[in-house]
Amino acid sequence: MNWIVQRSAALLAGLLLAAGAMADSYPAKPVSLMVPYPAGGPSDAIGRIFSTPLAKELGQPVLVENLGGVSGAIAAQKVLAAPADGYSIFQGSPNEVILSPLANASVRLKAEDFRLVAPIADAVMVVLTRKDLPVNNVDELIALARKSGDKPLSYGSVGVGSLYHFIMEHVQQLTGIKATHVPYKGNAPLLQDLGGGQVDFAVLVYSAAMGAMAEQGRLKVIGQLGAQRSELLKNLPTVSEGQALKNFHYKIWTGFMVAKSTPEPVVQRLHAAVGKTLKDPSVLAQLTLQTQMPSPPMTLSEAGKFFEAETERYRALARSIKLQPQ
């Protein structure tokens, strides 16, 4: 019996030494940062903001790889198919790892397959309307929707099962209004149709292009969805400042993730490196130019609890709106 105990102890010691050695040597080669959308978009911009300072912290190149498709799920699945060694990092958000499996029957991954190393950026989501819709705030929008009766207002989103679709289903559930969902393939065509008056309103991530259209009088931005007003939009009230949607707030975050089984020392090394990049003045300045706010610092434990809470939040909402994967 003693030899079994001794052998088990030796095996455990070997595993611990191997893990320590892996942490000491990681990374020993370039690291891939998987961005789940094509080059040139906002997600790609965030990846390229972080790649150089993160490479400096890790001591190895961080190579941005773009792979779009199936609302970002193809890229997520490619990361999960790679060895869980920290050399494939996924730059993800709730859209790809939490919502995509709930809305798309072909997506086999689940949020629990990933571990959130750290959130890195928060975007500002806003409510916007066509220029001639007779409302100037969210309370007035909801009041108008109640009066619409047999001709409900139309709202656009970037697709069935997207976060923006979820949010509007939640609004309808809370307020009892009815609105017609018009899904689009992306932000650009939806903004174009809002500017042309083909759709009444939408919830989207705020962008410089949207701000320019509002300044030109081509659409109206009437509220933001954060718990507090963003530093980027100090003069725009939050939805929860009104009467119709008290305590109603959402944010969309982006974070770096790895496969769940990635060794703990490697995750700790990545977490420390990401934390340092979030203090880099050039990173903070470039995020602001992209209308993104740096995420508050979190420990690994806090990041894990945050990810679990976000996953359950959206799953509960999917159940409440009876969302069925298509």
Protein backbone atom coordinates (compact mmCIF):
# COMPACT_ATOMS: atom_id res chain seq x y z
CA MET A 1 0.00 0.00 0.00
CA ASN A 2 2.89 2.33 0.89
CA TRP A 3 4.30 2.10 -2.61
CA ILE A 4 0.95 3.20 -4.04
CA VAL A 5 0.94 6.26 -1.78
CA GLN A 6 4.55 7.02 -2.65
CA ARG A 7 3.89 6.62 -6.35
CA SER A 8 0.82 8.89 -6.18
CA ALA A 9 2.78 11.51 -4.27
CA ALA A 10 5.59 11.34 -6.81
CA LEU A 11 3.10 11.67 -9.67
CA LEU A 12 1.46 14.68 -8.04
CA ALA A 13 4.82 16.31 -7.44
CA GLY A 14 5.73 15.73 -11.07
CA LEU A 15 2.52 17.33 -12.25
CA LEU A 16 3.09 20.35 -10.02
CA LEU A 17 6.64 20.73 -11.29
CA ALA A 18 5.44 20.46 -14.88
CA ALA A 19 2.79 23.12 -14.27
CA GLY A 20 5.38 25.39 -12.69
CA ALA A 21 7.77 24.86 -15.56
CA MET A 22 5.00 25.62 -18.04
CA ALA A 23 4.23 28.89 -16.28
CA ASP A 24 7.92 29.84 -16.19
CA SER A 25 8.41 29.14 -19.89
CA TYR A 26 5.05 30.49 -21.13
CA PRO A 27 4.93 31.87 -23.67
CA ALA A 28 7.78 30.28 -25.57
CA LYS A 29 6.36 31.12 -29.00
CA PRO A 30 3.93 33.60 -30.61
CA VAL A 31 0.40 33.75 -29.21
CA SER A 32 -2.69 33.86 -31.44
CA LEU A 33 -5.42 36.36 -30.57
CA MET A 34 -8.59 35.20 -32.29
CA VAL A 35 -10.98 38.02 -33.26
CA PRO A 36 -14.36 36.57 -34.30
CA TYR A 37 -15.14 39.17 -36.98
CA PRO A 38 -13.47 40.41 -40.18
CA ALA A 39 -10.67 42.97 -40.21
CA GLY A 40 -11.68 46.61 -40.18
CA GLY A 41 -14.55 46.38 -37.69
CA PRO A 42 -14.71 47.55 -34.07
CA SER A 43 -13.74 44.14 -32.65
CA ASP A 44 -10.69 44.02 -34.90
CA ALA A 45 -9.72 47.53 -33.79
CA ILE A 46 -9.80 46.46 -30.14
CA GLY A 47 -7.65 43.41 -30.87
CA ARG A 48 -5.02 45.54 -32.61
CA ILE A 49 -5.04 48.10 -29.79
CA PHE A 50 -4.08 45.35 -27.33
CA SER A 51 -1.84 43.12 -29.45
CA THR A 52 1.37 45.20 -29.30
CA PRO A 53 1.33 46.12 -25.57
CA LEU A 54 0.25 42.58 -24.66
CA ALA A 55 3.15 41.20 -26.71
CA LYS A 56 5.48 43.51 -24.79
CA GLU A 57 4.21 42.15 -21.46
CA LEU A 58 4.39 38.51 -22.58
CA GLY A 59 7.72 38.78 -24.37
CA GLN A 60 6.36 37.10 -27.50
CA PRO A 61 4.44 38.38 -30.55
CA VAL A 62 0.65 38.43 -30.24
CA LEU A 63 -0.78 37.78 -33.70
CA VAL A 64 -4.33 38.94 -34.43
CA GLU A 65 -6.28 36.36 -36.43
CA ASN A 66 -9.65 37.31 -37.92
CA LEU A 67 -12.30 34.67 -38.54
CA GLY A 68 -15.92 35.70 -39.02
CA GLY A 69 -19.05 33.61 -39.40
CA VAL A 70 -22.06 32.34 -37.42
CA SER A 71 -22.12 35.40 -35.14
CA GLY A 72 -18.53 34.77 -34.12
CA ALA A 73 -19.06 31.12 -33.16
CA ILE A 74 -16.74 29.71 -35.85
CA ALA A 75 -13.78 31.54 -34.32
CA ALA A 76 -14.81 30.47 -30.82
CA GLN A 77 -14.99 26.84 -31.91
CA LYS A 78 -11.55 27.07 -33.55
CA VAL A 79 -10.05 28.26 -30.26
CA LEU A 80 -11.69 25.36 -28.40
CA ALA A 81 -10.33 22.91 -30.99
CA ALA A 82 -6.75 24.09 -30.37
CA PRO A 83 -4.63 22.76 -27.47
CA ALA A 84 -5.62 24.36 -24.15
CA ASP A 85 -2.15 25.78 -23.55
CA GLY A 86 -2.68 29.53 -23.63
CA TYR A 87 -1.38 30.00 -27.16
CA SER A 88 -4.89 30.56 -28.54
CA ILE A 89 -6.72 33.45 -26.87
CA PHE A 90 -10.30 34.29 -27.80
CA GLN A 91 -11.41 37.91 -27.83
CA GLY A 92 -15.06 37.42 -27.05
CA SER A 93 -18.26 38.95 -25.71
CA PRO A 94 -21.66 37.63 -24.62
CA ASN A 95 -22.75 37.62 -28.28
CA GLU A 96 -20.41 34.78 -29.28
CA VAL A 97 -20.06 32.58 -26.21
CA ILE A 98 -23.37 33.03 -24.36
CA LEU A 99 -26.03 34.18 -26.82
CA SER A 100 -24.93 32.40 -30.01
CA PRO A 101 -25.55 28.88 -28.61
CA LEU A 102 -28.97 30.00 -27.36
CA ALA A 103 -30.07 31.29 -30.76
CA ASN A 104 -28.33 29.01 -33.27
CA ALA A 105 -28.91 25.25 -33.19
CA SER A 106 -25.72 24.61 -35.19
CA VAL A 107 -23.49 26.13 -32.48
CA ARG A 108 -22.27 23.33 -30.21
CA LEU A 109 -20.11 25.28 -27.80
CA LYS A 110 -21.32 26.60 -24.43
CA ALA A 111 -20.14 29.36 -22.15
CA GLU A 112 -18.73 26.83 -19.68
CA ASP A 113 -16.18 25.75 -22.31
CA PHE A 114 -14.37 29.06 -21.75
CA ARG A 115 -12.68 30.81 -18.88
CA LEU A 116 -12.71 34.59 -18.78
CA VAL A 117 -9.17 35.80 -18.16
CA ALA A 118 -10.28 39.43 -17.89
CA PRO A 119 -12.81 41.81 -19.36
CA ILE A 120 -10.95 44.49 -21.34
CA ALA A 121 -13.46 47.00 -22.71
CA ASP A 122 -17.03 48.16 -22.23
CA ALA A 123 -19.03 49.71 -25.04
CA VAL A 124 -21.85 52.21 -24.63
CA MET A 125 -25.22 50.97 -25.87
CA VAL A 126 -27.80 53.53 -26.87
CA VAL A 127 -31.40 53.83 -28.02
CA LEU A 128 -31.73 55.69 -31.32
CA THR A 129 -34.68 56.58 -33.53
CA ARG A 130 -35.40 57.87 -37.00
CA LYS A 131 -35.10 61.65 -37.18
CA ASP A 132 -38.83 62.39 -37.41
CA LEU A 133 -40.16 60.01 -34.77
CA PRO A 134 -42.00 62.35 -32.35
CA VAL A 135 -40.04 61.34 -29.21
CA ASN A 136 -37.02 62.78 -27.42
CA ASN A 137 -36.46 60.25 -24.64
CA VAL A 138 -37.15 56.61 -23.86
CA ASP A 139 -40.25 57.32 -21.74
CA GLU A 140 -41.81 59.13 -24.71
CA LEU A 141 -40.81 56.24 -27.00
CA ILE A 142 -42.57 53.72 -24.77
CA ALA A 143 -45.65 55.96 -24.48
CA LEU A 144 -45.79 56.25 -28.29
CA ALA A 145 -45.44 52.46 -28.63
CA ARG A 146 -48.39 51.99 -26.27
CA LYS A 147 -50.53 54.27 -28.43
CA SER A 148 -49.55 52.58 -31.69
CA GLY A 149 -52.18 49.83 -31.34
CA ASP A 150 -52.66 47.94 -34.60
CA LYS A 151 -49.64 49.64 -36.19
CA PRO A 152 -46.75 48.78 -33.84
CA LEU A 153 -43.46 50.62 -34.10
CA SER A 154 -40.63 48.73 -35.77
CA TYR A 155 -37.20 48.19 -34.25
CA GLY A 156 -34.07 46.92 -35.93
CA SER A 157 -31.35 44.66 -34.58
CA VAL A 158 -28.29 42.92 -35.99
CA GLY A 159 -30.04 39.56 -35.91
CA VAL A 160 -32.33 37.14 -34.13
CA GLY A 161 -30.78 36.19 -30.81
CA SER A 162 -28.38 39.15 -30.76
CA LEU A 163 -28.00 41.06 -27.53
CA TYR A 164 -29.99 43.96 -29.00
CA HIS A 165 -32.88 41.61 -29.83
CA PHE A 166 -32.71 40.24 -26.28
CA ILE A 167 -32.81 43.75 -24.80
CA MET A 168 -35.88 44.77 -26.76
CA GLU A 169 -37.69 41.55 -25.86
CA HIS A 170 -36.91 42.34 -22.22
CA VAL A 171 -38.26 45.90 -22.64
CA GLN A 172 -41.49 44.56 -24.12
CA GLN A 173 -41.82 42.06 -21.30
CA LEU A 174 -41.37 44.76 -18.63
CA THR A 175 -43.55 47.46 -20.19
CA GLY A 176 -46.19 45.47 -22.06
CA ILE A 177 -45.54 47.31 -25.33
CA LYS A 178 -45.47 45.51 -28.66
CA ALA A 179 -42.95 46.32 -31.39
CA THR A 180 -42.12 44.63 -34.67
CA HIS A 181 -38.63 43.14 -34.90
CA VAL A 182 -36.71 43.77 -38.14
CA PRO A 183 -33.41 41.83 -38.17
CA TYR A 184 -30.45 43.10 -40.20
CA LYS A 185 -27.11 41.58 -41.16
CA GLY A 186 -25.07 44.27 -39.44
CA ASN A 187 -24.87 47.74 -37.95
CA ALA A 188 -24.18 49.55 -41.22
CA PRO A 189 -27.38 48.61 -43.11
CA LEU A 190 -29.46 49.17 -39.96
CA LEU A 191 -28.01 52.66 -39.47
CA GLN A 192 -28.60 53.39 -43.14
CA ASP A 193 -32.27 52.43 -42.87
CA LEU A 194 -32.71 54.40 -39.64
CA GLY A 195 -31.25 57.40 -41.42
CA GLY A 196 -33.67 56.81 -44.28
CA GLY A 197 -36.69 56.35 -42.01
CA GLN A 198 -37.35 52.72 -42.99
CA VAL A 199 -37.30 51.54 -39.35
CA ASP A 200 -38.48 53.45 -36.27
CA PHE A 201 -35.82 52.77 -33.65
CA ALA A 202 -33.03 50.46 -32.51
CA VAL A 203 -30.66 49.59 -29.68
CA LEU A 204 -27.02 49.54 -30.79
CA VAL A 205 -23.47 50.12 -29.59
CA TYR A 206 -22.64 53.81 -29.91
CA SER A 207 -20.16 54.59 -32.69
CA ALA A 208 -18.50 57.63 -34.23
CA ALA A 209 -20.54 57.08 -37.41
CA MET A 210 -23.76 57.14 -35.39
CA GLY A 211 -22.68 60.33 -33.64
CA ALA A 212 -21.96 61.98 -36.97
CA MET A 213 -25.39 61.03 -38.31
CA ALA A 214 -27.02 62.47 -35.18
CA GLU A 215 -25.09 65.74 -35.55
CA GLN A 216 -26.24 65.93 -39.17
CA GLY A 217 -29.86 65.52 -38.05
CA ARG A 218 -30.27 62.18 -39.84
CA LEU A 219 -31.30 60.29 -36.68
CA LYS A 220 -31.73 60.86 -32.94
CA VAL A 221 -29.89 59.26 -30.02
CA ILE A 222 -32.30 59.43 -27.07
CA GLY A 223 -30.81 57.38 -24.22
CA GLN A 224 -27.97 55.14 -23.06
CA LEU A 225 -28.27 51.76 -21.35
CA GLY A 226 -25.47 51.82 -18.81
CA ALA A 227 -26.08 51.95 -15.06
CA GLN A 228 -24.44 55.38 -15.07
CA ARG A 229 -23.81 57.93 -17.78
CA SER A 230 -20.70 57.13 -19.78
CA GLU A 231 -17.79 59.56 -19.67
CA LEU A 232 -18.05 59.53 -23.46
CA LEU A 233 -21.70 60.68 -23.47
CA LYS A 234 -22.11 62.77 -20.35
CA ASN A 235 -25.07 64.77 -21.70
CA LEU A 236 -27.12 61.74 -22.72
CA PRO A 237 -29.43 60.41 -19.97
CA THR A 238 -29.53 56.76 -19.05
CA VAL A 239 -32.69 54.77 -19.68
CA SER A 240 -33.08 54.19 -15.94
CA GLU A 241 -33.20 57.94 -15.27
CA GLY A 242 -36.71 57.93 -16.73
CA GLN A 243 -39.86 56.49 -15.17
CA ALA A 244 -40.73 53.59 -17.47
CA LEU A 245 -37.56 51.52 -17.02
CA LYS A 246 -36.24 52.15 -13.52
CA ASN A 247 -33.17 50.01 -12.67
CA PHE A 248 -32.99 48.79 -16.28
CA HIS A 249 -29.43 48.71 -17.54
CA TYR A 250 -27.22 46.65 -19.81
CA LYS A 251 -23.65 46.83 -20.95
CA ILE A 252 -21.79 44.97 -23.62
CA TRP A 253 -18.27 43.96 -22.71
CA THR A 254 -15.35 42.43 -24.53
CA GLY A 255 -12.88 40.13 -22.80
CA PHE A 256 -9.98 37.78 -23.35
CA MET A 257 -10.87 34.11 -22.83
CA VAL A 258 -9.13 30.76 -22.99
CA ALA A 259 -10.31 27.17 -23.02
CA LYS A 260 -11.55 26.11 -19.60
CA SER A 261 -8.83 23.46 -19.12
CA THR A 262 -5.92 25.87 -19.67
CA PRO A 263 -3.40 25.34 -16.82
CA GLU A 264 -3.87 27.73 -13.90
CA PRO A 265 -0.30 29.14 -13.97
CA VAL A 266 -0.73 30.07 -17.64
CA VAL A 267 -4.07 31.77 -16.92
CA GLN A 268 -2.44 33.70 -14.07
CA ARG A 269 0.39 34.81 -16.36
CA LEU A 270 -2.09 36.02 -18.98
CA HIS A 271 -4.23 37.74 -16.37
CA ALA A 272 -1.26 39.68 -15.03
CA ALA A 273 -0.16 40.72 -18.53
CA VAL A 274 -3.65 41.88 -19.52
CA GLY A 275 -3.95 43.84 -16.28
CA LYS A 276 -0.77 45.75 -17.10
CA THR A 277 -1.94 46.57 -20.64
CA LEU A 278 -5.11 48.10 -19.17
CA LYS A 279 -2.90 50.65 -17.39
CA ASP A 280 -1.07 51.63 -20.58
CA PRO A 281 -1.94 55.27 -21.45
CA SER A 282 -1.78 54.57 -25.19
CA VAL A 283 -4.26 51.69 -24.83
CA LEU A 284 -6.66 53.88 -22.86
CA ALA A 285 -6.41 56.71 -25.40
CA GLN A 286 -7.00 54.39 -28.36
CA LEU A 287 -10.01 52.76 -26.67
CA THR A 288 -11.55 56.20 -26.18
CA LEU A 289 -11.13 56.93 -29.89
CA GLN A 290 -13.10 53.74 -30.56
CA THR A 291 -15.83 54.93 -28.13
CA GLN A 292 -14.88 52.13 -25.74
CA MET A 293 -14.19 52.37 -22.00
CA PRO A 294 -11.53 50.21 -20.32
CA SER A 295 -13.10 47.54 -18.11
CA PRO A 296 -12.64 47.88 -14.34
CA PRO A 297 -9.82 45.66 -13.03
CA MET A 298 -10.91 42.26 -11.71
CA THR A 299 -9.14 39.41 -9.98
CA LEU A 300 -9.39 36.01 -11.65
CA SER A 301 -11.96 34.99 -9.06
CA GLU A 302 -14.02 38.12 -9.71
CA ALA A 303 -13.80 37.57 -13.46
CA GLY A 304 -15.08 34.01 -13.02
CA LYS A 305 -18.04 35.14 -10.91
CA PHE A 306 -18.82 37.94 -13.35
CA PHE A 307 -18.82 35.51 -16.29
CA GLU A 308 -21.08 33.06 -14.46
CA ALA A 309 -23.51 35.83 -13.55
CA GLU A 310 -23.62 37.16 -17.12
CA THR A 311 -24.19 33.66 -18.48
CA GLU A 312 -27.10 33.00 -16.15
CA ARG A 313 -28.55 36.45 -16.77
CA TYR A 314 -28.83 35.91 -20.50
CA ARG A 315 -29.98 32.33 -20.21
CA ALA A 316 -32.77 33.44 -17.86
CA LEU A 317 -33.78 36.11 -20.35
CA ALA A 318 -33.77 33.56 -23.18
CA ARG A 319 -36.10 31.35 -21.13
CA SER A 320 -38.38 34.25 -20.32
CA ILE A 321 -38.81 35.21 -23.99
CA LYS A 322 -39.09 31.52 -24.95
CA LEU A 323 -36.20 31.77 -27.40
CA GLN A 324 -35.76 28.59 -29.44
CA PRO A 325 -32.50 27.84 -31.30
CA GLN A 326 -32.99 28.08 -35.06
